[in-house]
Protein backbone atom coordinates (compact mmCIF):
# COMPACT_ATOMS: atom_id res chain seq x y z
CA MET A 1 -23.91 -29.30 3.65
CA ALA A 2 -22.02 -30.84 0.65
CA ILE A 3 -23.29 -34.71 2.68
CA ARG A 4 -26.75 -34.75 4.32
CA LYS A 5 -29.62 -37.97 4.89
CA ASP A 6 -32.61 -37.82 2.71
CA LYS A 7 -36.23 -38.92 4.26
CA ASP A 8 -35.08 -42.39 3.12
CA ASN A 9 -32.17 -42.75 5.45
CA SER A 10 -29.50 -42.57 2.74
CA TRP A 11 -27.47 -40.14 1.46
CA ILE A 12 -27.03 -37.57 -0.70
CA VAL A 13 -24.09 -35.42 -1.70
CA ASP A 14 -25.10 -32.03 -2.93
CA ILE A 15 -21.51 -30.00 -4.20
CA SER A 16 -20.87 -26.47 -5.99
CA ASN A 17 -18.51 -24.02 -7.25
CA GLY A 18 -19.91 -20.89 -7.03
CA PHE A 19 -21.67 -19.70 -10.46
CA ASP A 20 -21.09 -19.97 -14.00
CA PRO A 21 -19.98 -16.14 -15.00
CA ILE A 22 -20.92 -16.68 -18.36
CA THR A 23 -24.66 -18.48 -17.84
CA LEU A 24 -24.80 -17.06 -14.22
CA LYS A 25 -26.28 -20.43 -13.26
CA GLN A 26 -24.89 -22.26 -10.22
CA ARG A 27 -22.26 -24.99 -10.69
CA ARG A 28 -24.21 -27.15 -8.58
CA ILE A 29 -23.69 -31.53 -9.41
CA VAL A 30 -26.69 -33.86 -7.05
CA ARG A 31 -26.33 -37.14 -6.22
CA LYS A 32 -28.62 -39.67 -4.16
CA GLY A 33 -29.28 -42.79 -2.54
CA PHE A 34 -25.72 -43.56 -1.71
CA LYS A 35 -26.65 -46.67 1.67
CA THR A 36 -24.03 -45.23 4.14
CA LYS A 37 -21.82 -42.03 4.31
CA LYS A 38 -18.90 -43.30 3.56
CA GLU A 39 -19.83 -44.13 0.48
CA ALA A 40 -21.46 -40.56 0.18
CA THR A 41 -17.45 -39.27 1.51
CA GLU A 42 -15.72 -41.21 -1.25
CA ALA A 43 -18.43 -39.75 -4.24
CA GLU A 44 -17.70 -36.23 -3.16
CA HIS A 45 -14.05 -36.42 -3.35
CA TYR A 46 -14.73 -38.17 -6.80
CA LEU A 47 -17.05 -35.40 -7.52
CA ARG A 48 -15.41 -32.78 -6.35
CA SER A 49 -11.38 -33.85 -7.80
CA VAL A 50 -13.00 -35.78 -11.41
CA GLU A 51 -16.25 -34.26 -12.60
CA LEU A 52 -16.61 -31.10 -11.33
CA LYS A 53 -13.56 -29.79 -13.11
CA GLU A 54 -14.02 -31.67 -16.35
CA ARG A 55 -18.13 -29.97 -16.13
CA PHE A 56 -16.41 -26.57 -15.82
CA TYR A 57 -12.54 -26.54 -17.45
CA GLY A 58 -12.38 -24.94 -20.42
CA ALA A 59 -15.04 -22.88 -19.99
CA LYS A 60 -14.45 -18.84 -21.87
CA ILE A 61 -13.53 -16.61 -19.16
CA THR A 62 -12.77 -12.82 -19.63
CA VAL A 63 -10.06 -10.64 -18.23
CA PRO A 64 -13.01 -8.71 -17.18
CA MET A 65 -14.88 -11.19 -15.77
CA LEU A 66 -11.72 -12.52 -13.81
CA TYR A 67 -11.62 -8.81 -12.49
CA ASP A 68 -15.06 -8.43 -11.35
CA MET A 69 -14.35 -11.83 -9.16
CA LEU A 70 -10.94 -10.47 -8.04
CA LYS A 71 -13.28 -7.45 -6.95
CA GLU A 72 -15.63 -9.46 -5.19
CA GLU A 73 -12.92 -11.57 -3.39
CA ASP A 74 -11.12 -8.53 -2.22
CA SER A 75 -14.06 -7.15 -0.83
CA ILE A 76 -15.14 -10.28 0.99
CA ASN A 77 -11.21 -10.03 2.54
CA HIS A 78 -12.06 -6.56 3.88
CA ARG A 79 -8.95 -4.97 1.30
CA LYS A 80 -8.93 -1.64 2.26
CA THR A 81 -10.76 1.09 -0.02
CA SER A 82 -7.00 2.53 -1.24
CA TYR A 83 -5.51 -0.36 -1.90
CA ILE A 84 -8.72 -1.61 -4.16
CA ASN A 85 -8.84 2.14 -5.62
CA THR A 86 -4.95 1.59 -6.66
CA GLN A 87 -5.61 -1.52 -7.89
CA GLU A 88 -8.90 -0.03 -9.76
CA ASN A 89 -6.36 2.91 -10.84
CA ASN A 90 -3.85 0.66 -12.68
CA TYR A 91 -6.77 -2.45 -14.12
CA ASN A 92 -8.43 0.21 -16.18
CA LYS A 93 -5.36 2.17 -16.99
CA HIS A 94 -3.34 -0.69 -17.95
CA ILE A 95 -4.76 -4.48 -18.26
CA ARG A 96 -8.40 -3.08 -19.23
CA GLU A 97 -8.32 -1.96 -22.87
CA TYR A 98 -4.97 -4.23 -23.79
CA PHE A 99 -6.96 -7.22 -23.13
CA ILE A 100 -10.39 -6.86 -24.50
CA ASN A 101 -10.94 -8.26 -27.47
CA VAL A 102 -9.23 -11.62 -25.47
CA ASP A 103 -12.31 -13.79 -25.23
CA ASN A 104 -10.35 -16.86 -23.74
CA VAL A 105 -7.96 -15.67 -21.44
CA GLY A 106 -6.94 -19.62 -21.13
CA LYS A 107 -5.25 -19.75 -24.47
CA LEU A 108 -3.15 -17.01 -23.21
CA THR A 109 1.07 -17.62 -23.81
CA TYR A 110 3.84 -16.76 -21.88
CA GLU A 111 4.53 -14.99 -25.29
CA ASP A 112 1.59 -12.79 -25.51
CA ILE A 113 2.23 -12.14 -21.16
CA TYR A 114 5.49 -11.25 -22.67
CA GLN A 115 4.46 -8.95 -25.29
CA PHE A 116 1.91 -6.85 -23.03
CA ARG A 117 5.09 -6.08 -20.57
CA GLU A 118 6.56 -5.25 -23.52
CA GLN A 119 4.14 -2.28 -24.79
CA LEU A 120 4.39 -1.31 -20.90
CA ARG A 121 8.21 -0.80 -21.39
CA GLN A 122 7.67 1.87 -23.81
CA LYS A 123 4.77 3.57 -21.95
CA ILE A 124 4.90 7.07 -21.12
CA ALA A 125 3.50 8.04 -17.82
CA GLN A 126 0.90 9.72 -17.33
CA ASN A 127 1.81 13.64 -16.72
CA SER A 128 5.23 13.33 -17.73
CA ASP A 129 7.77 13.04 -20.68
CA LYS A 130 9.36 9.74 -19.35
CA PRO A 131 8.13 5.38 -19.58
CA LEU A 132 6.17 4.00 -17.01
CA SER A 133 8.92 3.07 -14.27
CA THR A 134 10.20 -0.49 -13.84
CA ASN A 135 9.06 -0.51 -10.41
CA THR A 136 5.47 0.40 -11.57
CA ILE A 137 5.62 -1.91 -14.63
CA ASN A 138 6.40 -4.98 -11.98
CA LYS A 139 3.14 -3.99 -9.75
CA ILE A 140 0.98 -3.70 -12.76
CA MET A 141 2.48 -7.57 -13.45
CA ILE A 142 1.71 -8.75 -10.19
CA LEU A 143 -1.91 -7.36 -10.36
CA LEU A 144 -2.62 -9.22 -13.86
CA LYS A 145 -1.06 -12.48 -11.98
CA LYS A 146 -4.03 -11.64 -9.63
CA ILE A 147 -6.56 -11.14 -11.66
CA PHE A 148 -5.28 -14.26 -13.77
CA ASP A 149 -4.86 -16.43 -10.52
CA VAL A 150 -9.00 -16.14 -9.98
CA GLY A 151 -9.32 -18.40 -13.23
CA LEU A 152 -6.71 -20.78 -11.61
CA ARG A 153 -8.22 -21.03 -8.83
CA LYS A 154 -12.13 -21.54 -10.13
CA GLY A 155 -10.64 -24.38 -12.72
CA TYR A 156 -10.86 -22.37 -15.51
CA TYR A 157 -7.13 -23.38 -16.81
CA THR A 158 -4.39 -25.20 -15.84
CA THR A 159 -1.55 -23.02 -15.95
CA ASN A 160 -0.69 -19.07 -14.87
CA PRO A 161 1.08 -17.81 -17.59
CA VAL A 162 2.40 -14.45 -15.90
CA LYS A 163 4.20 -16.88 -13.56
CA LEU A 164 6.29 -17.69 -16.32
CA LEU A 165 8.21 -14.02 -16.26
CA LYS A 166 11.04 -12.49 -13.34
CA LYS A 167 10.50 -9.49 -12.29
CA LEU A 168 11.72 -6.65 -14.86
CA PRO A 169 15.38 -5.67 -12.20
CA ILE A 170 14.99 -2.83 -10.31
CA GLU A 171 18.20 -0.35 -10.31
CA LYS A 172 18.26 1.27 -6.56
CA THR A 173 18.60 5.25 -6.39
CA LYS A 174 20.55 6.69 -4.54
CA MET A 175 18.64 7.68 -1.17
CA GLN A 176 18.17 11.12 -0.34
CA PHE A 177 17.76 12.63 3.03
CA TRP A 178 18.78 16.12 4.44
CA THR A 179 21.27 16.32 7.39
CA ILE A 180 20.03 18.74 10.52
CA ALA A 181 22.10 21.57 8.54
CA GLU A 182 20.38 21.41 5.18
CA PHE A 183 17.04 21.12 7.16
CA GLN A 184 17.81 24.57 9.12
CA GLN A 185 18.97 25.11 5.85
CA PHE A 186 15.41 24.45 4.00
CA LEU A 187 13.53 26.11 7.25
CA LYS A 188 14.89 30.02 6.54
CA LEU A 189 13.10 29.79 2.82
CA PHE A 190 9.03 29.66 4.32
CA GLU A 191 7.48 32.84 4.65
CA VAL A 192 5.77 34.06 7.78
CA ASP A 193 2.55 33.40 6.97
CA GLU A 194 3.49 30.05 6.16
CA TYR A 195 3.91 28.80 9.03
CA ASN A 196 1.68 25.82 9.82
CA ILE A 197 3.32 24.41 6.97
CA LYS A 198 6.86 25.52 8.32
CA LEU A 199 5.69 23.20 11.61
CA LEU A 200 3.99 20.22 8.98
CA PHE A 201 7.84 19.14 7.51
CA THR A 202 9.21 19.99 11.50
CA VAL A 203 7.30 17.29 12.12
CA LEU A 204 7.91 15.39 9.36
CA PHE A 205 11.34 15.57 9.87
CA PHE A 206 11.26 15.12 13.63
CA THR A 207 8.77 11.69 13.92
CA GLY A 208 9.20 9.98 10.06
CA LEU A 209 5.80 10.54 9.53
CA ARG A 210 4.23 9.41 5.73
CA LEU A 211 3.39 12.64 4.25
CA GLY A 212 -0.73 11.26 4.63
CA GLU A 213 -0.46 10.11 7.75
CA ALA A 214 0.82 13.85 8.82
CA LEU A 215 -2.20 15.03 7.11
CA ALA A 216 -4.59 13.34 8.52
CA LEU A 217 -3.87 13.99 11.87
CA THR A 218 -6.60 16.37 14.26
CA TRP A 219 -5.82 17.76 17.99
CA GLN A 220 -7.74 14.40 19.22
CA ASP A 221 -4.71 12.14 18.09
CA VAL A 222 -1.79 14.69 20.17
CA ASP A 223 -0.81 14.19 23.86
CA PHE A 224 0.71 16.80 24.97
CA THR A 225 0.66 15.28 28.70
CA SER A 226 2.84 12.43 27.52
CA ASN A 227 4.71 14.34 24.61
CA THR A 228 2.78 11.65 21.95
CA ILE A 229 1.33 11.59 18.43
CA HIS A 230 -0.92 8.33 18.12
CA VAL A 231 -0.73 7.49 14.29
CA THR A 232 -4.23 5.58 13.72
CA LYS A 233 -5.26 6.85 9.68
CA SER A 234 -3.92 8.42 6.10
CA THR A 235 -5.16 10.78 3.96
CA TYR A 236 -5.20 9.20 -0.03
CA VAL A 237 -6.42 11.12 -3.11
CA ASN A 238 -8.88 8.63 -5.38
CA LYS A 239 -10.10 10.95 -9.07
CA GLY A 240 -8.99 14.33 -7.05
CA ILE A 241 -11.09 14.15 -4.06
CA SER A 242 -8.57 12.69 -0.58
CA HIS A 243 -9.76 10.37 1.71
CA ILE A 244 -9.06 9.23 5.43
CA SER A 245 -8.20 5.18 5.52
CA THR A 246 -6.40 3.03 8.01
CA THR A 247 -2.60 3.51 8.40
CA LYS A 248 -0.67 1.31 5.08
CA THR A 249 0.27 -1.46 7.56
CA LYS A 250 -1.21 -2.72 10.87
CA ALA A 251 2.59 -1.88 12.29
CA GLY A 252 1.86 2.00 10.82
CA THR A 253 -0.49 2.49 13.40
CA ARG A 254 1.82 3.30 16.66
CA ARG A 255 2.96 5.73 19.04
CA ILE A 256 5.50 8.56 18.50
CA ILE A 257 7.10 9.73 21.03
CA ILE A 258 8.26 13.69 20.01
CA ASN A 259 10.58 15.94 22.10
CA LYS A 260 9.66 18.53 24.04
CA LYS A 261 10.18 21.65 22.05
CA LEU A 262 8.01 20.37 19.19
CA SER A 263 5.66 19.45 21.61
CA GLN A 264 5.41 22.78 23.21
CA GLU A 265 5.51 24.30 19.29
CA LEU A 266 2.56 22.26 18.61
CA GLU A 267 0.53 23.35 21.42
CA THR A 268 1.23 26.95 20.37
CA TRP A 269 -0.24 26.45 17.08
CA GLN A 270 -3.19 24.84 18.75
CA LYS A 271 -4.28 28.22 20.23
CA LYS A 272 -3.05 30.03 17.67
CA GLN A 273 -5.31 28.08 15.17
CA ALA A 274 -8.79 27.78 17.27
CA LYS A 275 -8.33 31.95 17.85
CA GLN A 276 -8.04 31.89 12.97
CA LEU A 277 -10.39 29.34 13.39
CA GLN A 278 -13.26 29.83 15.63
CA GLN A 279 -15.87 31.19 13.21
CA PHE A 280 -15.58 27.90 10.84
CA SER A 281 -15.62 25.86 13.63
CA ASN A 282 -16.94 24.93 17.49
CA ASP A 283 -14.90 21.86 18.00
CA ILE A 284 -10.90 22.61 16.87
CA THR A 285 -10.31 18.69 18.61
CA THR A 286 -11.60 17.36 14.66
CA LEU A 287 -9.43 20.42 13.22
CA GLN A 288 -6.05 19.27 10.94
CA VAL A 289 -4.01 19.89 13.13
CA PHE A 290 -1.63 21.85 10.47
CA GLN A 291 -4.82 23.73 8.90
CA ASN A 292 -4.90 27.09 8.73
CA SER A 293 -8.34 28.33 6.78
CA PRO A 294 -11.20 26.09 6.46
CA ILE A 295 -10.14 24.30 3.04
CA ILE A 296 -8.80 21.06 4.16
CA ILE A 297 -5.12 20.49 3.22
CA THR A 298 -4.17 18.04 0.28
CA LYS A 299 -1.53 15.99 -0.68
CA ASP A 300 -1.56 18.05 -3.75
CA ALA A 301 -1.52 21.02 -1.97
CA ILE A 302 1.22 20.22 -0.54
CA GLU A 303 3.43 19.38 -3.04
CA LYS A 304 2.94 22.47 -5.30
CA GLN A 305 3.30 24.37 -1.94
CA TYR A 306 7.39 22.93 -1.19
CA LYS A 307 8.11 22.06 -5.01
CA LYS A 308 7.85 26.63 -4.99
CA ILE A 309 9.30 26.69 -0.96
CA LEU A 310 12.50 24.65 -2.71
CA GLU A 311 12.83 27.07 -5.95
CA ARG A 312 14.06 30.04 -3.27
CA ASP A 313 17.20 28.30 -2.84
CA ASN A 314 19.31 26.85 -5.43
CA THR A 315 21.82 25.48 -2.99
CA LEU A 316 19.53 23.14 -1.21
CA LYS A 317 20.04 19.51 -2.32
CA LYS A 318 16.61 18.35 -4.04
CA ILE A 319 14.81 15.99 -1.86
CA ARG A 320 11.18 14.35 -2.28
CA ILE A 321 8.89 14.63 0.72
CA HIS A 322 9.48 10.90 1.57
CA ASP A 323 12.75 11.54 1.68
CA PHE A 324 11.86 13.14 5.69
CA ARG A 325 11.24 10.34 6.40
CA HIS A 326 14.56 9.13 5.43
CA SER A 327 16.04 11.66 6.67
CA HIS A 328 14.35 11.04 10.14
CA ALA A 329 15.66 7.24 9.55
CA SER A 330 19.49 8.97 9.43
CA LEU A 331 19.02 11.33 12.24
CA LEU A 332 18.26 8.24 14.38
CA ILE A 333 21.12 6.26 13.53
CA ASN A 334 23.21 9.02 13.41
CA ASN A 335 22.56 9.23 17.49
CA GLY A 336 23.08 5.46 18.09
CA GLU A 337 19.45 4.13 18.10
CA ASP A 338 19.24 0.45 16.72
CA TYR A 339 17.30 -1.44 14.10
CA LEU A 340 14.33 -1.70 16.45
CA VAL A 341 13.88 1.97 17.08
CA VAL A 342 13.92 3.19 13.79
CA LYS A 343 11.11 -0.04 12.51
CA GLU A 344 8.80 1.54 15.84
CA ARG A 345 9.24 4.93 14.30
CA LEU A 346 8.92 4.80 10.80
CA GLY A 347 6.05 2.04 11.24
CA HIS A 348 7.68 -0.49 9.29
CA ALA A 349 5.83 -3.78 8.73
CA SER A 350 8.79 -6.18 8.87
CA ILE A 351 12.37 -5.19 10.55
CA THR A 352 13.78 -7.14 7.20
CA THR A 353 12.10 -4.17 5.66
CA THR A 354 14.25 -1.59 7.60
CA ILE A 355 17.25 -2.83 7.63
CA ASP A 356 17.39 -3.94 3.59
CA THR A 357 16.19 0.29 3.15
CA TYR A 358 18.73 0.95 5.76
CA SER A 359 21.87 -1.16 7.42
CA HIS A 360 24.55 0.79 4.41
CA LEU A 361 23.50 4.14 7.06
CA TYR A 362 25.08 1.56 10.25
CA PRO A 363 28.69 2.23 10.70
CA SER A 364 30.90 -0.64 10.15
CA LYS A 365 31.59 -2.39 13.29
CA GLN A 366 34.48 -3.94 12.19
CA LYS A 367 36.99 -1.48 13.23
CA ASP A 368 35.51 -1.33 16.53
CA LEU A 369 36.60 -4.93 15.64
CA ALA A 370 39.94 -4.95 14.86
CA ASP A 371 40.51 -2.09 17.68
CA LYS A 372 39.44 -4.76 20.74
CA LEU A 373 41.54 -7.69 19.02
CA ASP A 374 44.80 -5.33 19.41
CA ASP A 375 43.64 -4.56 23.27
CA LEU A 376 43.90 -8.75 23.21
CA LEU A 377 47.57 -8.62 22.00
């Protein structure tokens, strides 16, 4: 407790502000001999707002120190492992080396941060011949702001220079998606032994699942009685290894009711898969829904196979796997479904996301209004 009674009935103020990152000693102030609790309370307020800050303000602090503190906070707050891993990758690839020689973050200025971002704009993306995307740069700057905010909260400096930079404007790219006709053209490209992958893309098109969510599905997640898929987890890749985590957002944990034909197709595949893999597994309920061998299917493997399949038809419009979500949303909208249905199917955290993403696909209501006004004359 910050305030407590001493043995002689006087009051003690005992406050701390964590540990000094350099000396590793507890940052603590103890004052004794206050006659009343009111005096002790007033003293505590003064010590916290003035003396504690003065004593530790201006301490030299480096970016690695702040990043370690941020990781500790994220761990305490139970941030998702996939989130922490992505953060770690961005820090190691883009931030750590650039600021390695900075011995006092509090001395960094707006110009220093601006030059860092300019360097990012010239940087070539990994496994590519193109510069980092504007979206990626903005995400790196958000991470840097989070790192510097830790020092701000700890009282090492009074301003965060990253806050002074506005986000780089992102030019919206035209949304890509397939119509039913284009999707049917795509289905004709599969070989017989690629049926499980064909079924995977059929599920993506008719459910709007993310690829990671689809690959995380096991038969325990499929209820044939109610024709329902329960989405509770997702796969992600870290250092070339696939891991299972919770869905991207809380809203991502959802139930998706599928059409009867797709449900029947999945049930038929389940029986066929059980025969194919019976010598490798005694419990088919734990198998990936789209698995056709003892080897776990990964995102990378699907990306490579998808690219190979698309090369079989030069007339088919090329879209990303993520655009199957957009294709599903377009399918729903063209069949008269409203924003709320689209939000629930796709697992968006907010209806705002749904509206911002798909509002342009909804037909204008102005013609209907004009026709109604005509009827009034």
